[in-house]
Amino acid sequence: MLVNKTIQDQVENNSIQLEGIVNKIVAKYTGELDNYIDKIKDFLVNSEDELTDTDLNKILITLCTYSYFITSKQELLGIRADISEMVRQTKYSENYINSTGTIANRQMLSELAAKEEEVVSTVYNRAYKLLKNKADVITRYIDSVKKILSVRMSLMELTHKGA
């Protein structure tokens, strides 16, 4: 089965536009966090030095702080996602009530009438999911830093006992 190139191009172009909107929304909530993670990544990739215990403790505290704020931002974005879905459902329902014909015809007309609201709802739902995933990743990141610090402490204890 061949893919219709025109349809594929349309999907790609629309996706790029919506991705830009979603990324802009998410960046409003996580831009500072994203920059911090990029700095850590750059250090790990470009530096020959190892992170010190002090560095790791600072990273841990900073990530915990970001985690604290990101959870409330996630829920605030969730409100926008919920409202956008209500707006979509309201538009659909209003059009359904005011249209005539068979049930299938009324459903189709209502879906077409609420298409823009559907797109907005999709944007906010995707933004919410991205923010939620970032919050989950921060938790895993924090756990990893804790584990590294724990292993280092255990090694120091063994070194002191052996000396």
C-alpha atoms as a PDB file:
ATOM      1  CA  MET A   1       0.000   0.000   0.000  1.00  0.00           C
ATOM      2  CA  LEU A   2       1.433   3.343  -1.037  1.00  0.00           C
ATOM      3  CA  VAL A   3       1.019   6.473   1.023  1.00  0.00           C
ATOM      4  CA  ASN A   4      -0.567   9.426  -0.735  1.00  0.00           C
ATOM      5  CA  LYS A   5       2.274  11.989  -0.780  1.00  0.00           C
ATOM      6  CA  THR A   6      -0.119  14.953  -0.738  1.00  0.00           C
ATOM      7  CA  ILE A   7      -1.846  13.692   2.394  1.00  0.00           C
ATOM      8  CA  GLN A   8       1.491  12.854   4.006  1.00  0.00           C
ATOM      9  CA  ASP A   9       2.792  16.373   3.253  1.00  0.00           C
ATOM     10  CA  GLN A  10      -0.380  17.879   4.714  1.00  0.00           C
ATOM     11  CA  VAL A  11       0.031  15.807   7.894  1.00  0.00           C
ATOM     12  CA  GLU A  12       3.701  16.797   8.172  1.00  0.00           C
ATOM     13  CA  ASN A  13       2.983  20.508   7.661  1.00  0.00           C
ATOM     14  CA  ASN A  14       0.104  20.550  10.147  1.00  0.00           C
ATOM     15  CA  SER A  15       2.136  18.530  12.637  1.00  0.00           C
ATOM     16  CA  ILE A  16       5.048  20.958  12.455  1.00  0.00           C
ATOM     17  CA  GLN A  17       2.714  23.868  13.180  1.00  0.00           C
ATOM     18  CA  LEU A  18       1.022  22.106  16.105  1.00  0.00           C
ATOM     19  CA  GLU A  19       4.355  20.880  17.502  1.00  0.00           C
ATOM     20  CA  GLY A  20       5.554  24.475  17.528  1.00  0.00           C
ATOM     21  CA  ILE A  21       2.469  25.580  19.444  1.00  0.00           C
ATOM     22  CA  VAL A  22       2.746  22.686  21.930  1.00  0.00           C
ATOM     23  CA  ASN A  23       6.477  23.297  22.446  1.00  0.00           C
ATOM     24  CA  LYS A  24       5.847  27.005  23.034  1.00  0.00           C
ATOM     25  CA  ILE A  25       3.220  26.220  25.684  1.00  0.00           C
ATOM     26  CA  VAL A  26       5.434  23.667  27.426  1.00  0.00           C
ATOM     27  CA  ALA A  27       8.507  25.928  27.264  1.00  0.00           C
ATOM     28  CA  LYS A  28       6.536  28.585  29.142  1.00  0.00           C
ATOM     29  CA  TYR A  29       6.383  26.156  32.059  1.00  0.00           C
ATOM     30  CA  THR A  30       9.697  24.316  31.721  1.00  0.00           C
ATOM     31  CA  GLY A  31      12.087  26.633  29.875  1.00  0.00           C
ATOM     32  CA  GLU A  32      14.274  27.257  32.908  1.00  0.00           C
ATOM     33  CA  LEU A  33      14.334  23.544  33.770  1.00  0.00           C
ATOM     34  CA  ASP A  34      15.180  22.612  30.171  1.00  0.00           C
ATOM     35  CA  ASN A  35      18.114  25.049  30.204  1.00  0.00           C
ATOM     36  CA  TYR A  36      19.395  23.557  33.454  1.00  0.00           C
ATOM     37  CA  ILE A  37      19.191  20.002  32.117  1.00  0.00           C
ATOM     38  CA  ASP A  38      20.996  21.130  28.943  1.00  0.00           C
ATOM     39  CA  LYS A  39      23.832  22.555  31.062  1.00  0.00           C
ATOM     40  CA  ILE A  40      24.179  19.249  32.907  1.00  0.00           C
ATOM     41  CA  LYS A  41      24.133  17.328  29.626  1.00  0.00           C
ATOM     42  CA  ASP A  42      26.737  19.641  28.079  1.00  0.00           C
ATOM     43  CA  PHE A  43      29.014  19.166  31.082  1.00  0.00           C
ATOM     44  CA  LEU A  44      28.649  15.386  30.975  1.00  0.00           C
ATOM     45  CA  VAL A  45      29.251  15.198  27.227  1.00  0.00           C
ATOM     46  CA  ASN A  46      31.981  17.827  26.848  1.00  0.00           C
ATOM     47  CA  SER A  47      33.954  17.671  30.083  1.00  0.00           C
ATOM     48  CA  GLU A  48      36.635  15.218  31.047  1.00  0.00           C
ATOM     49  CA  ASP A  49      36.003  16.071  34.708  1.00  0.00           C
ATOM     50  CA  GLU A  50      33.754  14.023  36.932  1.00  0.00           C
ATOM     51  CA  LEU A  51      30.948  15.648  38.881  1.00  0.00           C
ATOM     52  CA  THR A  52      31.961  16.151  42.482  1.00  0.00           C
ATOM     53  CA  ASP A  53      29.780  15.234  45.428  1.00  0.00           C
ATOM     54  CA  THR A  54      29.122  18.940  45.899  1.00  0.00           C
ATOM     55  CA  ASP A  55      28.041  19.218  42.252  1.00  0.00           C
ATOM     56  CA  LEU A  56      25.738  16.218  42.628  1.00  0.00           C
ATOM     57  CA  ASN A  57      24.205  17.591  45.832  1.00  0.00           C
ATOM     58  CA  LYS A  58      23.589  20.943  44.135  1.00  0.00           C
ATOM     59  CA  ILE A  59      22.004  19.171  41.145  1.00  0.00           C
ATOM     60  CA  LEU A  60      19.845  17.112  43.501  1.00  0.00           C
ATOM     61  CA  ILE A  61      18.579  20.135  45.433  1.00  0.00           C
ATOM     62  CA  THR A  62      17.988  22.117  42.244  1.00  0.00           C
ATOM     63  CA  LEU A  63      16.061  19.286  40.581  1.00  0.00           C
ATOM     64  CA  CYS A  64      13.962  18.789  43.711  1.00  0.00           C
ATOM     65  CA  THR A  65      13.153  22.494  43.623  1.00  0.00           C
ATOM     66  CA  TYR A  66      12.139  22.335  39.966  1.00  0.00           C
ATOM     67  CA  SER A  67      10.083  19.222  40.702  1.00  0.00           C
ATOM     68  CA  TYR A  68       8.201  21.088  43.422  1.00  0.00           C
ATOM     69  CA  PHE A  69       7.159  23.832  41.010  1.00  0.00           C
ATOM     70  CA  ILE A  70       6.543  21.670  37.947  1.00  0.00           C
ATOM     71  CA  THR A  71       3.806  19.633  39.637  1.00  0.00           C
ATOM     72  CA  SER A  72       1.659  22.700  40.274  1.00  0.00           C
ATOM     73  CA  LYS A  73       2.355  23.995  36.765  1.00  0.00           C
ATOM     74  CA  GLN A  74       1.309  20.611  35.417  1.00  0.00           C
ATOM     75  CA  GLU A  75      -2.048  20.843  37.151  1.00  0.00           C
ATOM     76  CA  LEU A  76      -2.567  24.430  35.973  1.00  0.00           C
ATOM     77  CA  LEU A  77      -1.937  23.275  32.419  1.00  0.00           C
ATOM     78  CA  GLY A  78      -4.360  20.421  33.102  1.00  0.00           C
ATOM     79  CA  ILE A  79      -7.047  23.015  33.817  1.00  0.00           C
ATOM     80  CA  ARG A  80      -6.460  24.501  30.373  1.00  0.00           C
ATOM     81  CA  ALA A  81      -6.679  21.045  28.825  1.00  0.00           C
ATOM     82  CA  ASP A  82      -9.961  20.393  30.629  1.00  0.00           C
ATOM     83  CA  ILE A  83     -11.425  23.758  29.630  1.00  0.00           C
ATOM     84  CA  SER A  84     -10.400  23.295  26.005  1.00  0.00           C
ATOM     85  CA  GLU A  85     -12.209  19.940  25.998  1.00  0.00           C
ATOM     86  CA  MET A  86     -15.312  21.562  27.516  1.00  0.00           C
ATOM     87  CA  VAL A  87     -15.233  24.273  24.835  1.00  0.00           C
ATOM     88  CA  ARG A  88     -14.990  21.572  22.160  1.00  0.00           C
ATOM     89  CA  GLN A  89     -17.835  19.571  23.672  1.00  0.00           C
ATOM     90  CA  THR A  90     -20.013  22.675  23.999  1.00  0.00           C
ATOM     91  CA  LYS A  91     -19.485  23.594  20.341  1.00  0.00           C
ATOM     92  CA  TYR A  92     -20.241  20.010  19.300  1.00  0.00           C
ATOM     93  CA  SER A  93     -23.394  19.851  21.442  1.00  0.00           C
ATOM     94  CA  GLU A  94     -24.708  23.218  20.304  1.00  0.00           C
ATOM     95  CA  ASN A  95     -24.252  22.260  16.680  1.00  0.00           C
ATOM     96  CA  TYR A  96     -25.808  18.827  17.258  1.00  0.00           C
ATOM     97  CA  ILE A  97     -28.914  20.369  18.821  1.00  0.00           C
ATOM     98  CA  ASN A  98     -29.286  22.914  16.005  1.00  0.00           C
ATOM     99  CA  SER A  99     -28.699  20.514  13.114  1.00  0.00           C
ATOM    100  CA  THR A 100     -31.250  18.326  11.370  1.00  0.00           C
ATOM    101  CA  GLY A 101     -31.202  14.987   9.640  1.00  0.00           C
ATOM    102  CA  THR A 102     -30.182  11.533  10.715  1.00  0.00           C
ATOM    103  CA  ILE A 103     -28.144  10.917  13.852  1.00  0.00           C
ATOM    104  CA  ALA A 104     -25.099  10.085  11.749  1.00  0.00           C
ATOM    105  CA  ASN A 105     -25.533  13.286   9.723  1.00  0.00           C
ATOM    106  CA  ARG A 106     -25.930  15.401  12.858  1.00  0.00           C
ATOM    107  CA  GLN A 107     -22.821  13.801  14.395  1.00  0.00           C
ATOM    108  CA  MET A 108     -20.761  14.435  11.267  1.00  0.00           C
ATOM    109  CA  LEU A 109     -21.887  18.063  11.012  1.00  0.00           C
ATOM    110  CA  SER A 110     -21.176  18.606  14.709  1.00  0.00           C
ATOM    111  CA  GLU A 111     -17.716  17.108  14.432  1.00  0.00           C
ATOM    112  CA  LEU A 112     -16.932  19.332  11.458  1.00  0.00           C
ATOM    113  CA  ALA A 113     -18.227  22.414  13.275  1.00  0.00           C
ATOM    114  CA  ALA A 114     -16.061  21.665  16.330  1.00  0.00           C
ATOM    115  CA  LYS A 115     -12.869  20.885  14.349  1.00  0.00           C
ATOM    116  CA  GLU A 116     -10.989  24.021  15.463  1.00  0.00           C
ATOM    117  CA  GLU A 117     -11.958  23.414  19.077  1.00  0.00           C
ATOM    118  CA  GLU A 118     -10.757  19.810  18.660  1.00  0.00           C
ATOM    119  CA  VAL A 119      -7.357  21.034  17.494  1.00  0.00           C
ATOM    120  CA  VAL A 120      -7.040  23.403  20.464  1.00  0.00           C
ATOM    121  CA  SER A 121      -8.057  20.600  22.821  1.00  0.00           C
ATOM    122  CA  THR A 122      -5.464  18.311  21.247  1.00  0.00           C
ATOM    123  CA  VAL A 123      -2.767  20.966  21.657  1.00  0.00           C
ATOM    124  CA  TYR A 124      -3.472  21.428  25.365  1.00  0.00           C
ATOM    125  CA  ASN A 125      -3.779  17.705  26.007  1.00  0.00           C
ATOM    126  CA  ARG A 126      -0.414  17.042  24.312  1.00  0.00           C
ATOM    127  CA  ALA A 127       1.183  19.916  26.209  1.00  0.00           C
ATOM    128  CA  TYR A 128      -0.165  18.485  29.466  1.00  0.00           C
ATOM    129  CA  LYS A 129       1.216  15.035  28.633  1.00  0.00           C
ATOM    130  CA  LEU A 130       4.620  16.484  27.738  1.00  0.00           C
ATOM    131  CA  LEU A 131       4.749  18.408  31.001  1.00  0.00           C
ATOM    132  CA  LYS A 132       3.686  15.319  32.938  1.00  0.00           C
ATOM    133  CA  ASN A 133       6.389  13.252  31.227  1.00  0.00           C
ATOM    134  CA  LYS A 134       9.006  15.865  32.085  1.00  0.00           C
ATOM    135  CA  ALA A 135       7.868  15.778  35.717  1.00  0.00           C
ATOM    136  CA  ASP A 136       8.209  11.982  35.692  1.00  0.00           C
ATOM    137  CA  VAL A 137      11.673  12.181  34.139  1.00  0.00           C
ATOM    138  CA  ILE A 138      12.780  14.705  36.780  1.00  0.00           C
ATOM    139  CA  THR A 139      11.740  12.202  39.463  1.00  0.00           C
ATOM    140  CA  ARG A 140      13.831   9.484  37.800  1.00  0.00           C
ATOM    141  CA  TYR A 141      16.709  11.921  37.402  1.00  0.00           C
ATOM    142  CA  ILE A 142      16.533  12.742  41.132  1.00  0.00           C
ATOM    143  CA  ASP A 143      16.516   9.035  41.996  1.00  0.00           C
ATOM    144  CA  SER A 144      19.587   8.484  39.796  1.00  0.00           C
ATOM    145  CA  VAL A 145      21.528  11.297  41.438  1.00  0.00           C
ATOM    146  CA  LYS A 146      20.584   9.922  44.883  1.00  0.00           C
ATOM    147  CA  LYS A 147      21.819   6.493  43.854  1.00  0.00           C
ATOM    148  CA  ILE A 148      25.148   7.852  42.637  1.00  0.00           C
ATOM    149  CA  LEU A 149      25.613   9.752  45.902  1.00  0.00           C
ATOM    150  CA  SER A 150      24.683   6.650  47.892  1.00  0.00           C
ATOM    151  CA  VAL A 151      27.192   4.498  46.020  1.00  0.00           C
ATOM    152  CA  ARG A 152      29.892   7.116  46.543  1.00  0.00           C
ATOM    153  CA  MET A 153      29.138   7.270  50.274  1.00  0.00           C
ATOM    154  CA  SER A 154      29.300   3.484  50.524  1.00  0.00           C
ATOM    155  CA  LEU A 155      32.650   3.462  48.732  1.00  0.00           C
ATOM    156  CA  MET A 156      33.984   6.152  51.075  1.00  0.00           C
ATOM    157  CA  GLU A 157      32.854   4.134  54.093  1.00  0.00           C
ATOM    158  CA  LEU A 158      34.583   1.028  52.741  1.00  0.00           C
ATOM    159  CA  THR A 159      37.749   3.018  52.053  1.00  0.00           C
ATOM    160  CA  HIS A 160      37.758   4.408  55.618  1.00  0.00           C
ATOM    161  CA  LYS A 161      37.158   0.965  57.124  1.00  0.00           C
ATOM    162  CA  GLY A 162      39.954  -0.532  55.064  1.00  0.00           C
ATOM    163  CA  ALA A 163      42.443   2.160  56.074  1.00  0.00           C
END
